[in-house]
């Protein structure tokens, strides 16, 4: 993460979740992140190809020259990048990963500015990651930013973050299962050797 906004939001999310895979939506307090609140947003996970914007910070809306609430997050991207962003957001909502996205944003006057976005999983109404906490902030603030709205953005790089170092789908069952005590059962004619029971048999 290169942008200070991304780092601050990620550290806040880490503090909220503690040892859990992700925090809950109602644990996010706007006053706790007031310095970056204008750059943040929350997405609803409504399907593989649908991520409605539920909340949008004022600075992020200003970049695009409109109120972003209700828009689909995927509609902000060029068609060539839409599937990659959908796959990335699905990894966040399905596997509890974080995602860092480097963006080139362009205006109708063909001006451009580099931005960084961060996507992090949240739980809202159940055990699933059905919300995404995000931020998007520009690295520079040229004079025209805010008066010449961004009309599209393209993906320049992306990276998945695994807060617990290993994605859920790669964990072996024994990594997460609770240890169980061996079940004792009687074996006739057996003799103990350490934790094993040896059965004496004849030659075949």
N, C-alpha and C. Protein backbone atom coordinates (compact mmCIF):
# COMPACT_ATOMS: atom_id res chain seq x y z
N UNK A 1 0.84 -1.19 0.00
CA UNK A 1 0.00 0.00 0.00
C UNK A 1 0.88 1.24 0.00
N UNK A 2 0.69 2.09 -1.00
CA UNK A 2 1.53 3.28 -1.13
C UNK A 2 0.88 4.52 -0.54
N UNK A 3 -0.44 4.58 -0.57
CA UNK A 3 -1.12 5.80 -0.13
C UNK A 3 -1.38 5.75 1.38
N UNK A 4 -1.19 6.89 2.03
CA UNK A 4 -1.41 6.97 3.48
C UNK A 4 -2.85 6.64 3.86
N UNK A 5 -3.81 7.01 2.99
CA UNK A 5 -5.22 6.70 3.26
C UNK A 5 -5.43 5.20 3.33
N UNK A 6 -4.86 4.46 2.38
CA UNK A 6 -4.98 3.00 2.37
C UNK A 6 -4.40 2.39 3.63
N UNK A 7 -3.24 2.86 4.02
CA UNK A 7 -2.58 2.30 5.22
C UNK A 7 -3.39 2.59 6.48
N UNK A 8 -3.94 3.80 6.58
CA UNK A 8 -4.72 4.14 7.77
C UNK A 8 -5.98 3.30 7.85
N UNK A 9 -6.67 3.13 6.73
CA UNK A 9 -7.90 2.33 6.74
C UNK A 9 -7.58 0.87 7.04
N UNK A 10 -6.53 0.34 6.47
CA UNK A 10 -6.16 -1.05 6.71
C UNK A 10 -5.82 -1.27 8.19
N UNK A 11 -5.07 -0.37 8.77
CA UNK A 11 -4.71 -0.51 10.19
C UNK A 11 -5.95 -0.44 11.08
N UNK A 12 -6.88 0.44 10.72
CA UNK A 12 -8.13 0.54 11.49
C UNK A 12 -8.92 -0.75 11.37
N UNK A 13 -9.05 -1.29 10.18
CA UNK A 13 -9.76 -2.55 9.95
C UNK A 13 -9.11 -3.68 10.74
N UNK A 14 -7.78 -3.72 10.76
CA UNK A 14 -7.07 -4.75 11.53
C UNK A 14 -7.38 -4.64 13.03
N UNK A 15 -7.43 -3.43 13.55
CA UNK A 15 -7.74 -3.25 14.96
C UNK A 15 -9.16 -3.71 15.28
N UNK A 16 -10.09 -3.42 14.37
CA UNK A 16 -11.48 -3.82 14.59
C UNK A 16 -11.65 -5.33 14.57
N UNK A 17 -11.00 -6.00 13.67
CA UNK A 17 -11.25 -7.43 13.50
C UNK A 17 -10.57 -8.28 14.58
N UNK A 18 -9.49 -7.76 15.17
CA UNK A 18 -8.73 -8.50 16.17
C UNK A 18 -8.32 -9.86 15.60
N UNK A 19 -8.74 -10.95 16.20
CA UNK A 19 -8.35 -12.27 15.71
C UNK A 19 -9.37 -12.88 14.77
N UNK A 20 -10.43 -12.12 14.45
CA UNK A 20 -11.48 -12.64 13.56
C UNK A 20 -11.10 -12.44 12.10
N UNK A 21 -11.72 -13.16 11.19
CA UNK A 21 -11.43 -12.94 9.78
C UNK A 21 -11.79 -11.54 9.30
N UNK A 22 -12.87 -10.97 9.86
CA UNK A 22 -13.31 -9.62 9.45
C UNK A 22 -14.20 -9.03 10.53
N UNK A 23 -14.22 -7.70 10.65
CA UNK A 23 -15.13 -7.06 11.61
C UNK A 23 -16.55 -7.01 11.06
N UNK A 24 -17.49 -6.59 11.90
CA UNK A 24 -18.87 -6.41 11.48
C UNK A 24 -19.10 -4.97 11.05
N UNK A 25 -20.08 -4.79 10.20
CA UNK A 25 -20.39 -3.47 9.66
C UNK A 25 -20.70 -2.47 10.78
N UNK A 26 -21.45 -2.89 11.79
CA UNK A 26 -21.86 -1.95 12.84
C UNK A 26 -20.73 -1.57 13.80
N UNK A 27 -19.57 -2.16 13.63
CA UNK A 27 -18.41 -1.79 14.43
C UNK A 27 -17.64 -0.61 13.84
N UNK A 28 -17.91 -0.30 12.60
CA UNK A 28 -17.20 0.80 11.93
C UNK A 28 -17.80 2.12 12.40
N UNK A 29 -16.99 2.92 13.07
CA UNK A 29 -17.43 4.21 13.58
C UNK A 29 -16.82 5.33 12.72
N UNK A 30 -17.65 6.11 12.02
CA UNK A 30 -17.11 7.18 11.17
C UNK A 30 -16.17 8.13 11.90
N UNK A 31 -16.45 8.40 13.17
CA UNK A 31 -15.61 9.34 13.91
C UNK A 31 -14.20 8.80 14.13
N UNK A 32 -14.05 7.47 14.08
CA UNK A 32 -12.73 6.87 14.27
C UNK A 32 -11.82 7.09 13.06
N UNK A 33 -12.42 7.33 11.90
CA UNK A 33 -11.62 7.51 10.68
C UNK A 33 -11.97 8.84 10.02
N UNK A 34 -12.24 9.85 10.84
CA UNK A 34 -12.75 11.12 10.30
C UNK A 34 -11.76 11.79 9.35
N UNK A 35 -10.44 11.56 9.55
CA UNK A 35 -9.48 12.22 8.67
C UNK A 35 -9.49 11.64 7.25
N UNK A 36 -9.95 10.40 7.11
CA UNK A 36 -9.98 9.78 5.78
C UNK A 36 -11.41 9.45 5.35
N UNK A 37 -12.39 9.87 6.15
CA UNK A 37 -13.77 9.49 5.88
C UNK A 37 -14.24 9.90 4.49
N UNK A 38 -13.78 11.07 4.02
CA UNK A 38 -14.20 11.53 2.70
C UNK A 38 -13.72 10.67 1.56
N UNK A 39 -12.71 9.82 1.81
CA UNK A 39 -12.17 8.95 0.77
C UNK A 39 -12.71 7.53 0.85
N UNK A 40 -13.59 7.26 1.81
CA UNK A 40 -14.02 5.89 2.04
C UNK A 40 -15.40 5.61 1.43
N UNK A 41 -15.70 4.33 1.33
CA UNK A 41 -17.02 3.90 0.81
C UNK A 41 -17.32 2.51 1.34
N UNK A 42 -18.57 2.11 1.24
CA UNK A 42 -19.01 0.76 1.59
C UNK A 42 -19.82 0.21 0.43
N UNK A 43 -19.47 -1.00 0.00
CA UNK A 43 -20.19 -1.69 -1.07
C UNK A 43 -21.03 -2.82 -0.49
N UNK A 44 -22.16 -3.05 -1.13
CA UNK A 44 -22.96 -4.24 -0.85
C UNK A 44 -22.54 -5.34 -1.81
N UNK A 45 -22.43 -6.56 -1.30
CA UNK A 45 -22.14 -7.71 -2.18
C UNK A 45 -23.48 -8.30 -2.59
N UNK A 46 -23.92 -7.96 -3.80
CA UNK A 46 -25.23 -8.41 -4.27
C UNK A 46 -25.12 -9.51 -5.32
N UNK A 47 -23.91 -9.97 -5.60
CA UNK A 47 -23.70 -11.00 -6.61
C UNK A 47 -22.32 -10.86 -7.23
N UNK A 48 -21.98 -11.83 -8.07
CA UNK A 48 -20.67 -11.83 -8.71
C UNK A 48 -20.45 -10.61 -9.59
N UNK A 49 -21.50 -10.05 -10.13
CA UNK A 49 -21.39 -8.92 -11.04
C UNK A 49 -22.19 -7.72 -10.57
N UNK A 50 -22.38 -7.59 -9.27
CA UNK A 50 -23.17 -6.47 -8.76
C UNK A 50 -22.68 -6.07 -7.37
N UNK A 51 -22.12 -4.86 -7.30
CA UNK A 51 -21.58 -4.34 -6.04
C UNK A 51 -22.07 -2.90 -5.86
N UNK A 52 -23.33 -2.73 -5.45
CA UNK A 52 -23.88 -1.38 -5.26
C UNK A 52 -23.14 -0.61 -4.18
N UNK A 53 -22.97 0.68 -4.41
CA UNK A 53 -22.33 1.56 -3.43
C UNK A 53 -23.38 1.98 -2.41
N UNK A 54 -23.19 1.60 -1.16
CA UNK A 54 -24.15 1.92 -0.11
C UNK A 54 -23.83 3.24 0.58
N UNK A 55 -22.55 3.52 0.78
CA UNK A 55 -22.10 4.79 1.35
C UNK A 55 -20.90 5.27 0.56
N UNK A 56 -20.81 6.60 0.37
CA UNK A 56 -19.71 7.16 -0.41
C UNK A 56 -19.22 8.44 0.24
N UNK A 57 -17.92 8.54 0.46
CA UNK A 57 -17.33 9.73 1.05
C UNK A 57 -17.38 10.93 0.12
N UNK A 58 -17.38 12.11 0.72
CA UNK A 58 -17.55 13.34 -0.06
C UNK A 58 -16.39 13.59 -1.04
N UNK A 59 -15.16 13.32 -0.62
CA UNK A 59 -14.03 13.55 -1.53
C UNK A 59 -14.06 12.59 -2.70
N UNK A 60 -14.47 11.35 -2.45
CA UNK A 60 -14.56 10.38 -3.54
C UNK A 60 -15.65 10.80 -4.52
N UNK A 61 -16.79 11.27 -4.02
CA UNK A 61 -17.85 11.76 -4.89
C UNK A 61 -17.38 12.98 -5.69
N UNK A 62 -16.62 13.87 -5.05
CA UNK A 62 -16.14 15.07 -5.73
C UNK A 62 -15.24 14.71 -6.91
N UNK A 63 -14.42 13.66 -6.76
CA UNK A 63 -13.57 13.23 -7.87
C UNK A 63 -14.40 12.92 -9.12
N UNK A 64 -15.59 12.34 -8.89
CA UNK A 64 -16.44 11.92 -10.00
C UNK A 64 -17.51 12.95 -10.34
N UNK A 65 -17.59 14.02 -9.56
CA UNK A 65 -18.52 15.10 -9.86
C UNK A 65 -19.98 14.77 -9.65
N UNK A 66 -20.28 13.80 -8.78
CA UNK A 66 -21.67 13.42 -8.53
C UNK A 66 -21.76 12.60 -7.25
N UNK A 67 -22.97 12.41 -6.77
CA UNK A 67 -23.23 11.52 -5.65
C UNK A 67 -23.12 10.08 -6.14
N UNK A 68 -22.29 9.29 -5.48
CA UNK A 68 -22.00 7.93 -5.95
C UNK A 68 -22.93 6.88 -5.35
N UNK A 69 -23.62 7.22 -4.27
CA UNK A 69 -24.48 6.23 -3.62
C UNK A 69 -25.52 5.69 -4.58
N UNK A 70 -25.64 4.37 -4.63
CA UNK A 70 -26.60 3.71 -5.51
C UNK A 70 -26.00 3.23 -6.81
N UNK A 71 -24.83 3.78 -7.20
CA UNK A 71 -24.16 3.31 -8.41
C UNK A 71 -23.56 1.93 -8.17
N UNK A 72 -23.32 1.20 -9.27
CA UNK A 72 -22.62 -0.07 -9.18
C UNK A 72 -21.12 0.20 -9.28
N UNK A 73 -20.35 -0.31 -8.35
CA UNK A 73 -18.90 -0.10 -8.35
C UNK A 73 -18.27 -0.54 -9.66
N UNK A 74 -18.79 -1.60 -10.27
CA UNK A 74 -18.21 -2.10 -11.52
C UNK A 74 -18.40 -1.15 -12.68
N UNK A 75 -19.42 -0.29 -12.61
CA UNK A 75 -19.69 0.64 -13.71
C UNK A 75 -18.66 1.77 -13.78
N UNK A 76 -17.81 1.89 -12.78
CA UNK A 76 -16.78 2.94 -12.78
C UNK A 76 -15.61 2.58 -13.68
N UNK A 77 -15.54 1.32 -14.10
CA UNK A 77 -14.35 0.82 -14.78
C UNK A 77 -14.56 0.66 -16.28
N UNK A 78 -13.44 0.73 -17.01
CA UNK A 78 -13.49 0.40 -18.43
C UNK A 78 -13.95 -1.04 -18.61
N UNK A 79 -14.60 -1.30 -19.74
CA UNK A 79 -15.12 -2.64 -19.99
C UNK A 79 -14.03 -3.71 -19.93
N UNK A 80 -12.81 -3.35 -20.38
CA UNK A 80 -11.71 -4.31 -20.39
C UNK A 80 -11.27 -4.72 -18.99
N UNK A 81 -11.56 -3.87 -18.00
CA UNK A 81 -11.13 -4.15 -16.62
C UNK A 81 -12.26 -4.65 -15.74
N UNK A 82 -13.47 -4.61 -16.24
CA UNK A 82 -14.63 -4.92 -15.40
C UNK A 82 -14.58 -6.33 -14.83
N UNK A 83 -14.21 -7.31 -15.65
CA UNK A 83 -14.19 -8.69 -15.17
C UNK A 83 -13.10 -8.89 -14.12
N UNK A 84 -11.94 -8.25 -14.31
CA UNK A 84 -10.85 -8.37 -13.33
C UNK A 84 -11.27 -7.78 -11.98
N UNK A 85 -11.97 -6.63 -12.02
CA UNK A 85 -12.42 -6.01 -10.77
C UNK A 85 -13.50 -6.86 -10.11
N UNK A 86 -14.39 -7.44 -10.91
CA UNK A 86 -15.42 -8.33 -10.35
C UNK A 86 -14.78 -9.54 -9.68
N UNK A 87 -13.76 -10.11 -10.31
CA UNK A 87 -13.06 -11.25 -9.74
C UNK A 87 -12.37 -10.86 -8.43
N UNK A 88 -11.77 -9.68 -8.43
CA UNK A 88 -11.08 -9.20 -7.24
C UNK A 88 -12.07 -8.97 -6.09
N UNK A 89 -13.18 -8.30 -6.37
CA UNK A 89 -14.19 -8.05 -5.34
C UNK A 89 -14.79 -9.36 -4.83
N UNK A 90 -14.92 -10.35 -5.71
CA UNK A 90 -15.44 -11.64 -5.30
C UNK A 90 -14.46 -12.35 -4.37
N UNK A 91 -13.16 -12.20 -4.62
CA UNK A 91 -12.16 -12.78 -3.72
C UNK A 91 -12.25 -12.14 -2.34
N UNK A 92 -12.52 -10.84 -2.30
CA UNK A 92 -12.68 -10.15 -1.02
C UNK A 92 -13.91 -10.69 -0.28
N UNK A 93 -15.02 -10.84 -0.99
CA UNK A 93 -16.27 -11.24 -0.35
C UNK A 93 -16.37 -12.74 -0.11
N UNK A 94 -15.65 -13.54 -0.87
CA UNK A 94 -15.73 -14.99 -0.71
C UNK A 94 -14.66 -15.55 0.21
N UNK A 95 -13.46 -15.00 0.12
CA UNK A 95 -12.32 -15.58 0.83
C UNK A 95 -11.77 -14.71 1.94
N UNK A 96 -12.35 -13.53 2.15
CA UNK A 96 -11.87 -12.67 3.22
C UNK A 96 -10.53 -12.02 2.94
N UNK A 97 -10.19 -11.88 1.66
CA UNK A 97 -8.94 -11.23 1.29
C UNK A 97 -9.13 -9.72 1.28
N UNK A 98 -8.01 -9.01 1.32
CA UNK A 98 -8.01 -7.59 1.04
C UNK A 98 -7.47 -7.38 -0.36
N UNK A 99 -7.72 -6.24 -0.95
CA UNK A 99 -7.25 -5.97 -2.30
C UNK A 99 -6.78 -4.53 -2.42
N UNK A 100 -5.63 -4.36 -3.04
CA UNK A 100 -5.09 -3.03 -3.33
C UNK A 100 -5.07 -2.85 -4.85
N UNK A 101 -5.65 -1.74 -5.31
CA UNK A 101 -5.79 -1.50 -6.75
C UNK A 101 -5.15 -0.17 -7.10
N UNK A 102 -4.23 -0.19 -8.05
CA UNK A 102 -3.66 1.04 -8.60
C UNK A 102 -4.48 1.45 -9.81
N UNK A 103 -4.83 2.73 -9.88
CA UNK A 103 -5.82 3.22 -10.85
C UNK A 103 -5.26 4.41 -11.63
N UNK A 104 -5.57 4.44 -12.92
CA UNK A 104 -5.39 5.66 -13.69
C UNK A 104 -6.79 6.20 -14.00
N UNK A 105 -7.13 7.32 -13.41
CA UNK A 105 -8.45 7.92 -13.60
C UNK A 105 -8.36 9.05 -14.62
N UNK A 106 -9.34 9.11 -15.54
CA UNK A 106 -9.32 10.12 -16.60
C UNK A 106 -10.63 10.90 -16.65
N UNK A 107 -10.51 12.13 -17.08
CA UNK A 107 -11.67 13.02 -17.20
C UNK A 107 -12.10 13.13 -18.66
N UNK A 108 -13.21 13.80 -18.89
CA UNK A 108 -13.69 14.02 -20.26
C UNK A 108 -12.72 14.87 -21.07
N UNK A 109 -11.92 15.69 -20.39
CA UNK A 109 -10.90 16.51 -21.05
C UNK A 109 -9.58 15.75 -21.21
N UNK A 110 -9.61 14.46 -20.95
CA UNK A 110 -8.44 13.57 -21.09
C UNK A 110 -7.32 13.92 -20.11
N UNK A 111 -7.66 14.52 -19.01
CA UNK A 111 -6.70 14.69 -17.93
C UNK A 111 -6.69 13.43 -17.09
N UNK A 112 -5.56 13.14 -16.48
CA UNK A 112 -5.46 11.90 -15.71
C UNK A 112 -4.83 12.16 -14.35
N UNK A 113 -5.16 11.28 -13.41
CA UNK A 113 -4.58 11.32 -12.08
C UNK A 113 -4.49 9.89 -11.57
N UNK A 114 -3.41 9.59 -10.87
CA UNK A 114 -3.22 8.25 -10.31
C UNK A 114 -3.87 8.17 -8.94
N UNK A 115 -4.55 7.06 -8.70
CA UNK A 115 -5.23 6.84 -7.42
C UNK A 115 -4.91 5.44 -6.92
N UNK A 116 -5.18 5.23 -5.65
CA UNK A 116 -5.07 3.89 -5.07
C UNK A 116 -6.37 3.58 -4.34
N UNK A 117 -6.88 2.37 -4.57
CA UNK A 117 -8.10 1.91 -3.89
C UNK A 117 -7.77 0.70 -3.03
N UNK A 118 -8.50 0.57 -1.95
CA UNK A 118 -8.35 -0.56 -1.03
C UNK A 118 -9.73 -1.16 -0.78
N UNK A 119 -9.84 -2.48 -0.83
CA UNK A 119 -11.09 -3.18 -0.56
C UNK A 119 -10.85 -4.17 0.58
N UNK A 120 -11.76 -4.16 1.58
CA UNK A 120 -11.62 -5.02 2.75
C UNK A 120 -12.97 -5.63 3.11
N UNK A 121 -13.01 -6.88 3.53
CA UNK A 121 -14.30 -7.53 3.82
C UNK A 121 -14.92 -7.08 5.14
N UNK A 122 -16.26 -7.05 5.14
CA UNK A 122 -17.04 -6.78 6.34
C UNK A 122 -18.18 -7.80 6.42
N UNK A 123 -18.65 -8.05 7.63
CA UNK A 123 -19.85 -8.86 7.82
C UNK A 123 -20.96 -7.93 8.29
N UNK A 124 -22.15 -8.13 7.71
CA UNK A 124 -23.26 -7.24 8.03
C UNK A 124 -24.42 -7.98 8.66
N UNK A 125 -25.07 -8.86 7.90
CA UNK A 125 -26.30 -9.47 8.39
C UNK A 125 -26.17 -10.95 8.71
N UNK A 126 -24.98 -11.50 8.61
CA UNK A 126 -24.82 -12.92 8.87
C UNK A 126 -23.36 -13.30 8.86
N UNK A 127 -23.06 -14.58 8.63
CA UNK A 127 -21.68 -15.04 8.68
C UNK A 127 -20.87 -14.72 7.42
N UNK A 128 -21.56 -14.33 6.34
CA UNK A 128 -20.86 -14.07 5.08
C UNK A 128 -20.25 -12.67 5.06
N UNK A 129 -19.28 -12.49 4.17
CA UNK A 129 -18.71 -11.16 3.94
C UNK A 129 -19.61 -10.44 2.92
N UNK A 130 -20.69 -9.86 3.41
CA UNK A 130 -21.69 -9.29 2.52
C UNK A 130 -21.57 -7.78 2.35
N UNK A 131 -20.53 -7.19 2.91
CA UNK A 131 -20.20 -5.78 2.69
C UNK A 131 -18.69 -5.67 2.45
N UNK A 132 -18.30 -4.61 1.76
CA UNK A 132 -16.89 -4.33 1.51
C UNK A 132 -16.61 -2.90 1.93
N UNK A 133 -15.65 -2.74 2.82
CA UNK A 133 -15.19 -1.42 3.22
C UNK A 133 -14.04 -1.02 2.31
N UNK A 134 -14.12 0.18 1.74
CA UNK A 134 -13.09 0.58 0.79
C UNK A 134 -12.68 2.03 0.92
N UNK A 135 -11.60 2.34 0.23
CA UNK A 135 -11.15 3.73 0.11
C UNK A 135 -10.59 3.93 -1.28
N UNK A 136 -10.63 5.17 -1.73
CA UNK A 136 -10.01 5.53 -3.01
C UNK A 136 -9.52 6.96 -2.87
N UNK A 137 -8.22 7.16 -3.08
CA UNK A 137 -7.63 8.48 -2.89
C UNK A 137 -6.60 8.76 -3.98
N UNK A 138 -6.56 10.01 -4.41
CA UNK A 138 -5.61 10.43 -5.45
C UNK A 138 -4.25 10.72 -4.83
N UNK A 139 -3.20 10.42 -5.58
CA UNK A 139 -1.84 10.70 -5.10
C UNK A 139 -1.50 12.18 -5.23
N UNK A 140 -2.11 12.84 -6.21
CA UNK A 140 -1.87 14.27 -6.42
C UNK A 140 -3.21 14.99 -6.46
N UNK A 141 -3.18 16.29 -6.27
CA UNK A 141 -4.40 17.09 -6.31
C UNK A 141 -4.19 18.30 -7.22
N UNK A 142 -4.19 18.06 -8.56
CA UNK A 142 -4.01 19.17 -9.49
C UNK A 142 -5.18 20.16 -9.40
N UNK A 143 -4.99 21.32 -9.95
CA UNK A 143 -5.98 22.40 -9.80
C UNK A 143 -7.34 22.03 -10.36
N UNK A 144 -7.36 21.17 -11.36
CA UNK A 144 -8.62 20.84 -12.03
C UNK A 144 -9.42 19.74 -11.31
N UNK A 145 -8.78 19.04 -10.35
CA UNK A 145 -9.43 17.91 -9.70
C UNK A 145 -10.65 18.40 -8.91
N UNK A 146 -11.79 17.87 -9.24
CA UNK A 146 -13.04 18.29 -8.61
C UNK A 146 -13.90 19.15 -9.52
N UNK A 147 -13.25 19.89 -10.42
CA UNK A 147 -14.02 20.69 -11.38
C UNK A 147 -14.13 20.00 -12.73
N UNK A 148 -13.20 19.11 -13.03
CA UNK A 148 -13.25 18.29 -14.25
C UNK A 148 -13.42 16.84 -13.81
N UNK A 149 -14.67 16.36 -13.77
CA UNK A 149 -14.94 15.06 -13.13
C UNK A 149 -14.30 13.89 -13.87
N UNK A 150 -13.96 12.88 -13.10
CA UNK A 150 -13.50 11.61 -13.67
C UNK A 150 -14.68 10.91 -14.33
N UNK A 151 -14.47 10.46 -15.55
CA UNK A 151 -15.54 9.77 -16.27
C UNK A 151 -15.26 8.28 -16.44
N UNK A 152 -14.01 7.87 -16.33
CA UNK A 152 -13.70 6.44 -16.32
C UNK A 152 -12.35 6.23 -15.67
N UNK A 153 -12.13 5.00 -15.23
CA UNK A 153 -10.85 4.66 -14.61
C UNK A 153 -10.41 3.29 -15.10
N UNK A 154 -9.10 3.13 -15.20
CA UNK A 154 -8.54 1.87 -15.67
C UNK A 154 -7.59 1.30 -14.64
N UNK A 155 -7.48 0.00 -14.68
CA UNK A 155 -6.65 -0.75 -13.74
C UNK A 155 -5.21 -0.76 -14.23
N UNK A 156 -4.27 -0.37 -13.37
CA UNK A 156 -2.85 -0.45 -13.75
C UNK A 156 -2.14 -1.57 -13.00
N UNK A 157 -2.57 -1.89 -11.79
CA UNK A 157 -2.02 -3.05 -11.07
C UNK A 157 -2.97 -3.41 -9.94
N UNK A 158 -2.87 -4.64 -9.50
CA UNK A 158 -3.69 -5.08 -8.36
C UNK A 158 -2.92 -6.11 -7.55
N UNK A 159 -3.30 -6.21 -6.30
CA UNK A 159 -2.64 -7.17 -5.41
C UNK A 159 -3.62 -7.59 -4.33
N UNK A 160 -3.69 -8.89 -4.08
CA UNK A 160 -4.50 -9.41 -2.99
C UNK A 160 -3.67 -9.44 -1.71
N UNK A 161 -4.32 -9.14 -0.60
CA UNK A 161 -3.70 -9.18 0.72
C UNK A 161 -4.38 -10.28 1.53
N UNK A 162 -3.59 -11.13 2.14
CA UNK A 162 -4.15 -12.16 3.01
C UNK A 162 -3.76 -11.80 4.43
N UNK A 163 -4.66 -11.18 5.19
CA UNK A 163 -4.31 -10.71 6.54
C UNK A 163 -3.77 -11.81 7.44
N UNK A 164 -4.22 -13.03 7.24
CA UNK A 164 -3.71 -14.15 8.04
C UNK A 164 -2.73 -14.99 7.25
N UNK A 165 -2.18 -14.41 6.18
CA UNK A 165 -1.08 -14.97 5.39
C UNK A 165 -1.46 -16.11 4.47
N UNK A 166 -2.65 -16.67 4.62
CA UNK A 166 -3.02 -17.80 3.81
C UNK A 166 -4.51 -17.75 3.51
N UNK A 167 -4.90 -17.82 2.23
CA UNK A 167 -6.34 -17.77 1.90
C UNK A 167 -7.09 -18.97 2.45
N UNK A 168 -8.38 -18.75 2.72
CA UNK A 168 -9.19 -19.80 3.29
C UNK A 168 -9.26 -21.05 2.43
N UNK A 169 -9.32 -20.87 1.10
CA UNK A 169 -9.47 -22.04 0.25
C UNK A 169 -8.18 -22.86 0.17
N UNK A 170 -7.04 -22.30 0.67
CA UNK A 170 -5.79 -23.04 0.66
C UNK A 170 -5.48 -23.69 2.00
N UNK A 171 -6.31 -23.41 3.02
CA UNK A 171 -6.04 -23.99 4.32
C UNK A 171 -6.45 -25.44 4.36
N UNK A 172 -5.62 -26.27 4.95
CA UNK A 172 -5.97 -27.67 5.13
C UNK A 172 -6.96 -27.80 6.27
N UNK A 173 -7.83 -28.80 6.25
CA UNK A 173 -8.80 -28.96 7.32
C UNK A 173 -8.15 -28.99 8.70
N UNK A 174 -6.96 -29.60 8.81
CA UNK A 174 -6.34 -29.70 10.13
C UNK A 174 -5.83 -28.35 10.62
N UNK A 175 -5.73 -27.34 9.72
CA UNK A 175 -5.28 -26.02 10.15
C UNK A 175 -6.34 -25.29 10.95
N UNK A 176 -7.61 -25.62 10.69
CA UNK A 176 -8.69 -24.89 11.34
C UNK A 176 -9.53 -25.76 12.27
N UNK A 177 -9.48 -27.07 12.10
CA UNK A 177 -10.30 -27.96 12.92
C UNK A 177 -9.78 -27.98 14.35
N UNK A 178 -10.72 -28.11 15.30
CA UNK A 178 -10.35 -28.21 16.70
C UNK A 178 -9.76 -29.58 16.96
N UNK A 179 -8.67 -29.66 17.73
CA UNK A 179 -8.09 -30.98 18.02
C UNK A 179 -9.06 -31.82 18.83
N UNK A 180 -9.10 -33.08 18.52
CA UNK A 180 -9.99 -34.00 19.24
C UNK A 180 -9.15 -35.07 19.90
N UNK A 181 -9.59 -35.52 21.06
CA UNK A 181 -8.88 -36.58 21.77
C UNK A 181 -9.15 -37.92 21.08
N UNK A 182 -8.17 -38.82 21.10
CA UNK A 182 -8.41 -40.13 20.50
C UNK A 182 -9.53 -40.86 21.23
N UNK A 183 -10.32 -41.58 20.49
CA UNK A 183 -11.44 -42.32 21.07
C UNK A 183 -10.93 -43.69 21.52
N UNK A 184 -10.97 -43.98 22.83
CA UNK A 184 -10.48 -45.28 23.30
C UNK A 184 -11.47 -46.39 22.97
N UNK A 185 -10.94 -47.53 22.58
CA UNK A 185 -11.80 -48.69 22.39
C UNK A 185 -10.98 -49.93 22.71
N UNK A 186 -11.63 -50.97 23.27
CA UNK A 186 -10.89 -52.15 23.70
C UNK A 186 -10.49 -53.01 22.52
N UNK A 187 -9.28 -53.54 22.55
CA UNK A 187 -8.82 -54.47 21.52
C UNK A 187 -8.28 -55.71 22.24
N UNK A 188 -8.91 -56.85 22.03
CA UNK A 188 -8.51 -58.07 22.69
C UNK A 188 -7.20 -58.58 22.09
N UNK A 189 -6.33 -59.07 22.97
CA UNK A 189 -5.09 -59.67 22.51
C UNK A 189 -4.04 -58.67 22.10
N UNK A 190 -4.28 -57.41 22.36
CA UNK A 190 -3.31 -56.39 21.97
C UNK A 190 -2.43 -56.00 23.13
N UNK A 191 -1.25 -55.45 22.79
CA UNK A 191 -0.36 -54.94 23.83
C UNK A 191 0.05 -53.52 23.45
N UNK A 192 0.20 -52.68 24.45
CA UNK A 192 0.51 -51.26 24.24
C UNK A 192 1.98 -51.08 23.94
N UNK A 193 2.27 -50.21 23.00
CA UNK A 193 3.65 -49.79 22.69
C UNK A 193 3.59 -48.28 22.43
N UNK A 194 3.87 -47.50 23.48
CA UNK A 194 3.70 -46.06 23.36
C UNK A 194 2.22 -45.74 23.21
N UNK A 195 1.87 -44.98 22.15
CA UNK A 195 0.48 -44.64 21.91
C UNK A 195 -0.20 -45.60 20.94
N UNK A 196 0.51 -46.71 20.59
CA UNK A 196 -0.02 -47.66 19.63
C UNK A 196 -0.45 -48.93 20.34
N UNK A 197 -1.36 -49.65 19.71
CA UNK A 197 -1.74 -50.98 20.15
C UNK A 197 -1.24 -51.99 19.13
N UNK A 198 -0.38 -52.91 19.56
CA UNK A 198 0.21 -53.89 18.66
C UNK A 198 -0.58 -55.19 18.74
N UNK A 199 -0.97 -55.72 17.60
CA UNK A 199 -1.70 -56.98 17.54
C UNK A 199 -0.74 -58.05 17.04
N UNK A 200 -0.60 -59.11 17.79
CA UNK A 200 0.24 -60.21 17.37
C UNK A 200 -0.55 -61.13 16.44
N UNK A 201 0.00 -61.44 15.32
CA UNK A 201 -0.68 -62.32 14.38
C UNK A 201 0.24 -63.41 13.89
N UNK A 202 -0.34 -64.41 13.25
CA UNK A 202 0.47 -65.51 12.75
C UNK A 202 1.04 -65.18 11.38
N UNK A 203 1.90 -66.10 10.91
CA UNK A 203 2.50 -65.92 9.58
C UNK A 203 1.50 -66.34 8.52
N UNK A 204 1.53 -65.68 7.41
CA UNK A 204 0.60 -66.05 6.35
C UNK A 204 1.27 -67.00 5.40
